[in-house]
PDB file of N, CA and C in Angstrom:
ATOM      1  N   MET A   1      -7.698 -10.424   7.410  1.00  0.00           N
ATOM      2  CA  MET A   1      -8.224 -10.072   8.699  1.00  0.00           C
ATOM      3  C   MET A   1      -9.690  -9.670   8.521  1.00  0.00           C
ATOM      4  N   LEU A   2     -10.508 -10.100   9.413  1.00  0.00           N
ATOM      5  CA  LEU A   2     -11.932  -9.778   9.393  1.00  0.00           C
ATOM      6  C   LEU A   2     -12.161  -8.474  10.152  1.00  0.00           C
ATOM      7  N   GLU A   3     -12.888  -7.560   9.524  1.00  0.00           N
ATOM      8  CA  GLU A   3     -13.236  -6.296  10.171  1.00  0.00           C
ATOM      9  C   GLU A   3     -14.738  -6.111  10.090  1.00  0.00           C
ATOM     10  N   LEU A   4     -15.338  -5.741  11.204  1.00  0.00           N
ATOM     11  CA  LEU A   4     -16.758  -5.414  11.255  1.00  0.00           C
ATOM     12  C   LEU A   4     -16.888  -3.940  11.599  1.00  0.00           C
ATOM     13  N   TRP A   5     -17.635  -3.215  10.785  1.00  0.00           N
ATOM     14  CA  TRP A   5     -17.840  -1.795  11.028  1.00  0.00           C
ATOM     15  C   TRP A   5     -19.310  -1.541  11.247  1.00  0.00           C
ATOM     16  N   LEU A   6     -19.618  -0.867  12.326  1.00  0.00           N
ATOM     17  CA  LEU A   6     -20.993  -0.501  12.629  1.00  0.00           C
ATOM     18  C   LEU A   6     -21.048   0.996  12.881  1.00  0.00           C
ATOM     19  N   CYS A   7     -21.903   1.682  12.158  1.00  0.00           N
ATOM     20  CA  CYS A   7     -22.089   3.121  12.325  1.00  0.00           C
ATOM     21  C   CYS A   7     -23.577   3.388  12.465  1.00  0.00           C
ATOM     22  N   PRO A   8     -23.947   4.443  13.179  1.00  0.00           N
ATOM     23  CA  PRO A   8     -25.365   4.762  13.279  1.00  0.00           C
ATOM     24  C   PRO A   8     -25.963   5.151  11.922  1.00  0.00           C
ATOM     25  N   SER A   9     -25.157   5.755  11.065  1.00  0.00           N
ATOM     26  CA  SER A   9     -25.635   6.176   9.751  1.00  0.00           C
ATOM     27  C   SER A   9     -25.299   5.110   8.706  1.00  0.00           C
ATOM     28  N   ARG A  10     -26.304   4.615   8.034  1.00  0.00           N
ATOM     29  CA  ARG A  10     -26.099   3.577   7.022  1.00  0.00           C
ATOM     30  C   ARG A  10     -25.272   4.104   5.841  1.00  0.00           C
ATOM     31  N   LYS A  11     -25.529   5.335   5.420  1.00  0.00           N
ATOM     32  CA  LYS A  11     -24.784   5.919   4.300  1.00  0.00           C
ATOM     33  C   LYS A  11     -23.320   6.118   4.663  1.00  0.00           C
ATOM     34  N   GLN A  12     -23.068   6.541   5.888  1.00  0.00           N
ATOM     35  CA  GLN A  12     -21.697   6.748   6.332  1.00  0.00           C
ATOM     36  C   GLN A  12     -20.944   5.413   6.364  1.00  0.00           C
ATOM     37  N   ASN A  13     -21.601   4.380   6.812  1.00  0.00           N
ATOM     38  CA  ASN A  13     -20.996   3.054   6.859  1.00  0.00           C
ATOM     39  C   ASN A  13     -20.665   2.568   5.450  1.00  0.00           C
ATOM     40  N   THR A  14     -21.602   2.738   4.511  1.00  0.00           N
ATOM     41  CA  THR A  14     -21.387   2.307   3.131  1.00  0.00           C
ATOM     42  C   THR A  14     -20.231   3.075   2.500  1.00  0.00           C
ATOM     43  N   ALA A  15     -20.188   4.368   2.716  1.00  0.00           N
ATOM     44  CA  ALA A  15     -19.109   5.179   2.151  1.00  0.00           C
ATOM     45  C   ALA A  15     -17.756   4.760   2.710  1.00  0.00           C
ATOM     46  N   ARG A  16     -17.713   4.465   3.988  1.00  0.00           N
ATOM     47  CA  ARG A  16     -16.465   4.041   4.634  1.00  0.00           C
ATOM     48  C   ARG A  16     -15.993   2.698   4.085  1.00  0.00           C
ATOM     49  N   VAL A  17     -16.921   1.776   3.880  1.00  0.00           N
ATOM     50  CA  VAL A  17     -16.578   0.455   3.342  1.00  0.00           C
ATOM     51  C   VAL A  17     -16.063   0.582   1.911  1.00  0.00           C
ATOM     52  N   MET A  18     -16.751   1.355   1.079  1.00  0.00           N
ATOM     53  CA  MET A  18     -16.317   1.524  -0.310  1.00  0.00           C
ATOM     54  C   MET A  18     -14.953   2.193  -0.388  1.00  0.00           C
ATOM     55  N   GLN A  19     -14.698   3.154   0.482  1.00  0.00           N
ATOM     56  CA  GLN A  19     -13.402   3.819   0.512  1.00  0.00           C
ATOM     57  C   GLN A  19     -12.303   2.818   0.874  1.00  0.00           C
ATOM     58  N   ALA A  20     -12.547   1.972   1.859  1.00  0.00           N
ATOM     59  CA  ALA A  20     -11.553   0.981   2.267  1.00  0.00           C
ATOM     60  C   ALA A  20     -11.321  -0.057   1.168  1.00  0.00           C
ATOM     61  N   LEU A  21     -12.393  -0.464   0.481  1.00  0.00           N
ATOM     62  CA  LEU A  21     -12.241  -1.439  -0.597  1.00  0.00           C
ATOM     63  C   LEU A  21     -11.446  -0.874  -1.764  1.00  0.00           C
ATOM     64  N   CYS A  22     -11.525   0.422  -1.974  1.00  0.00           N
ATOM     65  CA  CYS A  22     -10.835   1.041  -3.105  1.00  0.00           C
ATOM     66  C   CYS A  22      -9.354   1.295  -2.841  1.00  0.00           C
ATOM     67  N   GLU A  23      -8.892   1.083  -1.608  1.00  0.00           N
ATOM     68  CA  GLU A  23      -7.458   1.166  -1.325  1.00  0.00           C
ATOM     69  C   GLU A  23      -6.823  -0.077  -1.935  1.00  0.00           C
ATOM     70  N   LYS A  24      -6.038   0.109  -2.950  1.00  0.00           N
ATOM     71  CA  LYS A  24      -5.516  -1.020  -3.729  1.00  0.00           C
ATOM     72  C   LYS A  24      -4.231  -1.559  -3.116  1.00  0.00           C
ATOM     73  N   THR A  25      -4.306  -1.987  -1.866  1.00  0.00           N
ATOM     74  CA  THR A  25      -3.122  -2.484  -1.177  1.00  0.00           C
ATOM     75  C   THR A  25      -3.089  -4.003  -1.111  1.00  0.00           C
ATOM     76  N   ALA A  26      -4.231  -4.631  -1.003  1.00  0.00           N
ATOM     77  CA  ALA A  26      -4.293  -6.086  -0.896  1.00  0.00           C
ATOM     78  C   ALA A  26      -5.645  -6.554  -1.426  1.00  0.00           C
ATOM     79  N   GLN A  27      -5.773  -7.848  -1.632  1.00  0.00           N
ATOM     80  CA  GLN A  27      -7.047  -8.409  -2.090  1.00  0.00           C
ATOM     81  C   GLN A  27      -8.084  -8.249  -0.975  1.00  0.00           C
ATOM     82  N   ARG A  28      -9.260  -7.731  -1.324  1.00  0.00           N
ATOM     83  CA  ARG A  28     -10.315  -7.488  -0.343  1.00  0.00           C
ATOM     84  C   ARG A  28     -11.607  -8.144  -0.800  1.00  0.00           C
ATOM     85  N   ILE A  29     -12.390  -8.610   0.167  1.00  0.00           N
ATOM     86  CA  ILE A  29     -13.669  -9.259  -0.112  1.00  0.00           C
ATOM     87  C   ILE A  29     -14.743  -8.586   0.720  1.00  0.00           C
ATOM     88  N   LEU A  30     -15.846  -8.243   0.075  1.00  0.00           N
ATOM     89  CA  LEU A  30     -17.016  -7.701   0.762  1.00  0.00           C
ATOM     90  C   LEU A  30     -18.105  -8.770   0.707  1.00  0.00           C
ATOM     91  N   VAL A  31     -18.579  -9.211   1.852  1.00  0.00           N
ATOM     92  CA  VAL A  31     -19.622 -10.226   1.925  1.00  0.00           C
ATOM     93  C   VAL A  31     -20.939  -9.541   2.250  1.00  0.00           C
ATOM     94  N   VAL A  32     -21.934  -9.759   1.385  1.00  0.00           N
ATOM     95  CA  VAL A  32     -23.243  -9.116   1.532  1.00  0.00           C
ATOM     96  C   VAL A  32     -24.337 -10.165   1.361  1.00  0.00           C
ATOM     97  N   PRO A  33     -25.546  -9.885   1.843  1.00  0.00           N
ATOM     98  CA  PRO A  33     -26.662 -10.791   1.561  1.00  0.00           C
ATOM     99  C   PRO A  33     -26.889 -10.888   0.048  1.00  0.00           C
ATOM    100  N   GLU A  34     -27.372 -12.036  -0.381  1.00  0.00           N
ATOM    101  CA  GLU A  34     -27.488 -12.299  -1.818  1.00  0.00           C
ATOM    102  C   GLU A  34     -28.330 -11.264  -2.556  1.00  0.00           C
ATOM    103  N   GLN A  35     -29.388 -10.773  -1.939  1.00  0.00           N
ATOM    104  CA  GLN A  35     -30.255  -9.817  -2.631  1.00  0.00           C
ATOM    105  C   GLN A  35     -29.580  -8.461  -2.839  1.00  0.00           C
ATOM    106  N   PHE A  36     -28.463  -8.189  -2.155  1.00  0.00           N
ATOM    107  CA  PHE A  36     -27.759  -6.924  -2.302  1.00  0.00           C
ATOM    108  C   PHE A  36     -26.459  -7.050  -3.082  1.00  0.00           C
ATOM    109  N   SER A  37     -26.113  -8.238  -3.541  1.00  0.00           N
ATOM    110  CA  SER A  37     -24.808  -8.433  -4.166  1.00  0.00           C
ATOM    111  C   SER A  37     -24.659  -7.652  -5.469  1.00  0.00           C
ATOM    112  N   HIS A  38     -25.670  -7.630  -6.294  1.00  0.00           N
ATOM    113  CA  HIS A  38     -25.564  -6.918  -7.570  1.00  0.00           C
ATOM    114  C   HIS A  38     -25.388  -5.416  -7.341  1.00  0.00           C
ATOM    115  N   GLU A  39     -26.173  -4.844  -6.456  1.00  0.00           N
ATOM    116  CA  GLU A  39     -26.055  -3.417  -6.172  1.00  0.00           C
ATOM    117  C   GLU A  39     -24.708  -3.091  -5.528  1.00  0.00           C
ATOM    118  N   ALA A  40     -24.203  -3.973  -4.671  1.00  0.00           N
ATOM    119  CA  ALA A  40     -22.893  -3.750  -4.051  1.00  0.00           C
ATOM    120  C   ALA A  40     -21.789  -3.772  -5.109  1.00  0.00           C
ATOM    121  N   GLU A  41     -21.884  -4.670  -6.081  1.00  0.00           N
ATOM    122  CA  GLU A  41     -20.908  -4.700  -7.168  1.00  0.00           C
ATOM    123  C   GLU A  41     -20.951  -3.413  -7.985  1.00  0.00           C
ATOM    124  N   ARG A  42     -22.145  -2.916  -8.257  1.00  0.00           N
ATOM    125  CA  ARG A  42     -22.276  -1.669  -9.010  1.00  0.00           C
ATOM    126  C   ARG A  42     -21.675  -0.501  -8.241  1.00  0.00           C
ATOM    127  N   MET A  43     -21.934  -0.434  -6.935  1.00  0.00           N
ATOM    128  CA  MET A  43     -21.378   0.648  -6.113  1.00  0.00           C
ATOM    129  C   MET A  43     -19.854   0.567  -6.066  1.00  0.00           C
ATOM    130  N   LEU A  44     -19.322  -0.641  -5.972  1.00  0.00           N
ATOM    131  CA  LEU A  44     -17.876  -0.828  -5.931  1.00  0.00           C
ATOM    132  C   LEU A  44     -17.236  -0.373  -7.243  1.00  0.00           C
ATOM    133  N   CYS A  45     -17.826  -0.732  -8.366  1.00  0.00           N
ATOM    134  CA  CYS A  45     -17.286  -0.310  -9.668  1.00  0.00           C
ATOM    135  C   CYS A  45     -17.370   1.200  -9.846  1.00  0.00           C
ATOM    136  N   ARG A  46     -18.446   1.791  -9.361  1.00  0.00           N
ATOM    137  CA  ARG A  46     -18.593   3.248  -9.437  1.00  0.00           C
ATOM    138  C   ARG A  46     -17.526   3.934  -8.582  1.00  0.00           C
ATOM    139  N   ALA A  47     -17.254   3.393  -7.408  1.00  0.00           N
ATOM    140  CA  ALA A  47     -16.295   4.011  -6.487  1.00  0.00           C
ATOM    141  C   ALA A  47     -14.847   3.753  -6.890  1.00  0.00           C
ATOM    142  N   GLY A  48     -14.571   2.550  -7.414  1.00  0.00           N
ATOM    143  CA  GLY A  48     -13.182   2.173  -7.667  1.00  0.00           C
ATOM    144  C   GLY A  48     -12.727   2.243  -9.101  1.00  0.00           C
ATOM    145  N   GLY A  49     -13.641   2.401 -10.027  1.00  0.00           N
ATOM    146  CA  GLY A  49     -13.245   2.477 -11.425  1.00  0.00           C
ATOM    147  C   GLY A  49     -13.090   1.103 -12.068  1.00  0.00           C
ATOM    148  N   ASP A  50     -12.514   1.122 -13.273  1.00  0.00           N
ATOM    149  CA  ASP A  50     -12.417  -0.096 -14.085  1.00  0.00           C
ATOM    150  C   ASP A  50     -11.487  -1.157 -13.510  1.00  0.00           C
ATOM    151  N   THR A  51     -10.464  -0.763 -12.802  1.00  0.00           N
ATOM    152  CA  THR A  51      -9.455  -1.728 -12.358  1.00  0.00           C
ATOM    153  C   THR A  51      -9.710  -2.282 -10.953  1.00  0.00           C
ATOM    154  N   ILE A  52     -10.801  -1.908 -10.334  1.00  0.00           N
ATOM    155  CA  ILE A  52     -11.047  -2.336  -8.952  1.00  0.00           C
ATOM    156  C   ILE A  52     -11.225  -3.852  -8.833  1.00  0.00           C
ATOM    157  N   SER A  53     -11.640  -4.500  -9.903  1.00  0.00           N
ATOM    158  CA  SER A  53     -11.870  -5.952  -9.833  1.00  0.00           C
ATOM    159  C   SER A  53     -10.580  -6.729  -9.602  1.00  0.00           C
ATOM    160  N   ARG A  54      -9.433  -6.112  -9.796  1.00  0.00           N
ATOM    161  CA  ARG A  54      -8.164  -6.781  -9.491  1.00  0.00           C
ATOM    162  C   ARG A  54      -7.895  -6.851  -7.994  1.00  0.00           C
ATOM    163  N   PHE A  55      -8.523  -5.950  -7.238  1.00  0.00           N
ATOM    164  CA  PHE A  55      -8.204  -5.823  -5.823  1.00  0.00           C
ATOM    165  C   PHE A  55      -9.359  -6.116  -4.880  1.00  0.00           C
ATOM    166  N   ALA A  56     -10.590  -6.034  -5.370  1.00  0.00           N
ATOM    167  CA  ALA A  56     -11.743  -6.207  -4.491  1.00  0.00           C
ATOM    168  C   ALA A  56     -12.795  -7.066  -5.183  1.00  0.00           C
ATOM    169  N   GLU A  57     -13.578  -7.752  -4.357  1.00  0.00           N
ATOM    170  CA  GLU A  57     -14.594  -8.665  -4.877  1.00  0.00           C
ATOM    171  C   GLU A  57     -15.796  -8.644  -3.943  1.00  0.00           C
ATOM    172  N   VAL A  58     -16.986  -8.740  -4.506  1.00  0.00           N
ATOM    173  CA  VAL A  58     -18.218  -8.797  -3.726  1.00  0.00           C
ATOM    174  C   VAL A  58     -18.739 -10.226  -3.802  1.00  0.00           C
ATOM    175  N   LEU A  59     -18.973 -10.829  -2.647  1.00  0.00           N
ATOM    176  CA  LEU A  59     -19.499 -12.187  -2.586  1.00  0.00           C
ATOM    177  C   LEU A  59     -20.754 -12.208  -1.729  1.00  0.00           C
ATOM    178  N   SER A  60     -21.675 -13.098  -2.064  1.00  0.00           N
ATOM    179  CA  SER A  60     -22.875 -13.265  -1.245  1.00  0.00           C
ATOM    180  C   SER A  60     -22.582 -14.289  -0.153  1.00  0.00           C
ATOM    181  N   PHE A  61     -23.444 -14.340   0.848  1.00  0.00           N
ATOM    182  CA  PHE A  61     -23.236 -15.286   1.946  1.00  0.00           C
ATOM    183  C   PHE A  61     -23.114 -16.729   1.462  1.00  0.00           C
ATOM    184  N   PRO A  62     -23.973 -17.211   0.540  1.00  0.00           N
ATOM    185  CA  PRO A  62     -23.805 -18.593   0.074  1.00  0.00           C
ATOM    186  C   PRO A  62     -22.551 -18.781  -0.778  1.00  0.00           C
ATOM    187  N   GLY A  63     -22.078 -17.731  -1.433  1.00  0.00           N
ATOM    188  CA  GLY A  63     -20.965 -17.876  -2.364  1.00  0.00           C
ATOM    189  C   GLY A  63     -19.583 -17.751  -1.762  1.00  0.00           C
ATOM    190  N   TRP A  64     -19.444 -17.084  -0.625  1.00  0.00           N
ATOM    191  CA  TRP A  64     -18.094 -16.851  -0.123  1.00  0.00           C
ATOM    192  C   TRP A  64     -17.367 -18.111   0.324  1.00  0.00           C
ATOM    193  N   PRO A  65     -18.023 -19.121   0.908  1.00  0.00           N
ATOM    194  CA  PRO A  65     -17.242 -20.319   1.250  1.00  0.00           C
ATOM    195  C   PRO A  65     -16.689 -21.030   0.014  1.00  0.00           C
ATOM    196  N   ARG A  66     -17.461 -21.037  -1.077  1.00  0.00           N
ATOM    197  CA  ARG A  66     -16.977 -21.675  -2.301  1.00  0.00           C
ATOM    198  C   ARG A  66     -15.773 -20.926  -2.858  1.00  0.00           C
ATOM    199  N   ALA A  67     -15.766 -19.607  -2.735  1.00  0.00           N
ATOM    200  CA  ALA A  67     -14.649 -18.814  -3.250  1.00  0.00           C
ATOM    201  C   ALA A  67     -13.423 -18.896  -2.345  1.00  0.00           C
ATOM    202  N   CYS A  68     -13.638 -18.932  -1.043  1.00  0.00           N
ATOM    203  CA  CYS A  68     -12.517 -18.934  -0.097  1.00  0.00           C
ATOM    204  C   CYS A  68     -11.943 -20.312   0.171  1.00  0.00           C
ATOM    205  N   PHE A  69     -12.766 -21.334   0.068  1.00  0.00           N
ATOM    206  CA  PHE A  69     -12.328 -22.703   0.354  1.00  0.00           C
ATOM    207  C   PHE A  69     -12.716 -23.634  -0.792  1.00  0.00           C
ATOM    208  N   PRO A  70     -12.145 -23.466  -1.988  1.00  0.00           N
ATOM    209  CA  PRO A  70     -12.577 -24.267  -3.134  1.00  0.00           C
ATOM    210  C   PRO A  70     -12.328 -25.762  -2.961  1.00  0.00           C
ATOM    211  N   SER A  71     -11.318 -26.141  -2.194  1.00  0.00           N
ATOM    212  CA  SER A  71     -11.029 -27.563  -2.028  1.00  0.00           C
ATOM    213  C   SER A  71     -12.054 -28.260  -1.132  1.00  0.00           C
ATOM    214  N   ARG A  72     -12.788 -27.498  -0.322  1.00  0.00           N
ATOM    215  CA  ARG A  72     -13.781 -28.083   0.571  1.00  0.00           C
ATOM    216  C   ARG A  72     -15.201 -27.989   0.034  1.00  0.00           C
ATOM    217  N   ALA A  73     -15.336 -27.472  -1.166  1.00  0.00           N
ATOM    218  CA  ALA A  73     -16.675 -27.359  -1.751  1.00  0.00           C
ATOM    219  C   ALA A  73     -17.246 -28.751  -2.005  1.00  0.00           C
ATOM    220  N   ALA A  74     -18.521 -28.876  -1.775  1.00  0.00           N
ATOM    221  CA  ALA A  74     -19.178 -30.167  -1.963  1.00  0.00           C
ATOM    222  C   ALA A  74     -19.220 -30.514  -3.450  1.00  0.00           C
ATOM    223  N   PRO A  75     -18.957 -31.763  -3.783  1.00  0.00           N
ATOM    224  CA  PRO A  75     -19.039 -32.153  -5.190  1.00  0.00           C
ATOM    225  C   PRO A  75     -20.495 -32.116  -5.650  1.00  0.00           C
ATOM    226  N   PRO A  76     -20.724 -31.977  -6.948  1.00  0.00           N
ATOM    227  CA  PRO A  76     -22.106 -31.954  -7.424  1.00  0.00           C
ATOM    228  C   PRO A  76     -22.808 -33.271  -7.128  1.00  0.00           C
ATOM    229  N   ALA A  77     -24.091 -33.189  -6.865  1.00  0.00           N
ATOM    230  CA  ALA A  77     -24.871 -34.399  -6.560  1.00  0.00           C
ATOM    231  C   ALA A  77     -24.874 -35.315  -7.781  1.00  0.00           C
ATOM    232  N   ARG A  78     -24.765 -36.600  -7.533  1.00  0.00           N
ATOM    233  CA  ARG A  78     -24.723 -37.580  -8.609  1.00  0.00           C
ATOM    234  C   ARG A  78     -26.129 -38.036  -8.950  1.00  0.00           C
ATOM    235  N   ARG A  79     -26.458 -38.017 -10.218  1.00  0.00           N
ATOM    236  CA  ARG A  79     -27.769 -38.481 -10.642  1.00  0.00           C
ATOM    237  C   ARG A  79     -27.795 -39.989 -10.665  1.00  0.00           C
ATOM    238  N   ARG A  80     -28.874 -40.540 -10.245  1.00  0.00           N
ATOM    239  CA  ARG A  80     -29.018 -41.998 -10.280  1.00  0.00           C
ATOM    240  C   ARG A  80     -29.480 -42.418 -11.674  1.00  0.00           C
ATOM    241  N   THR A  81     -28.904 -43.467 -12.141  1.00  0.00           N
ATOM    242  CA  THR A  81     -29.297 -44.009 -13.446  1.00  0.00           C
ATOM    243  C   THR A  81     -29.806 -45.426 -13.255  1.00  0.00           C
ATOM    244  N   ARG A  82     -30.294 -46.017 -14.314  1.00  0.00           N
ATOM    245  CA  ARG A  82     -30.799 -47.394 -14.242  1.00  0.00           C
ATOM    246  C   ARG A  82     -29.719 -48.355 -13.776  1.00  0.00           C
ATOM    247  N   ALA A  83     -28.478 -48.101 -14.126  1.00  0.00           N
ATOM    248  CA  ALA A  83     -27.378 -48.976 -13.708  1.00  0.00           C
ATOM    249  C   ALA A  83     -27.183 -48.925 -12.204  1.00  0.00           C
ATOM    250  N   ASP A  84     -27.588 -47.826 -11.572  1.00  0.00           N
ATOM    251  CA  ASP A  84     -27.467 -47.690 -10.128  1.00  0.00           C
ATOM    252  C   ASP A  84     -28.605 -48.394  -9.396  1.00  0.00           C
ATOM    253  N   GLY A  85     -29.556 -48.922 -10.129  1.00  0.00           N
ATOM    254  CA  GLY A  85     -30.666 -49.607  -9.493  1.00  0.00           C
ATOM    255  C   GLY A  85     -31.910 -48.760  -9.394  1.00  0.00           C
ATOM    256  N   CYS A  86     -31.896 -47.606 -10.003  1.00  0.00           N
ATOM    257  CA  CYS A  86     -33.066 -46.753  -9.980  1.00  0.00           C
ATOM    258  C   CYS A  86     -33.996 -47.126 -11.140  1.00  0.00           C
ATOM    259  N   CYS A  87     -35.273 -47.125 -10.925  1.00  0.00           N
ATOM    260  CA  CYS A  87     -36.223 -47.512 -11.981  1.00  0.00           C
ATOM    261  C   CYS A  87     -36.367 -46.466 -13.018  1.00  0.00           C
TER     262      CYS A  87
END
C-alpha cells in the first residue's frame, strides 16, 4: 500500500517515516530522490540496526521501477558491430 505523509516539520516527518520503516512486520520500501538515497540508507541503518535490511529498503526514483518490476526492465542497449552494417 502506498502511503504519503506530509508534516509541517521536516524532522518530525523523517522521524515518523524511520519509525514506521523499523516496524519489522512486512517488506517496506522508501523512495527518495537519488541525491538523498545514501543518507536515507544511513539513517535507516542507524534507526533499525543491523537486521533492518531484511525488512526495509531505500530506493531512488530511477531505481524503484527496476526493483519492483524486474520483468519489465528495458534490456541493455545493443552495440552495433561491423556485422550489423556499421562502419
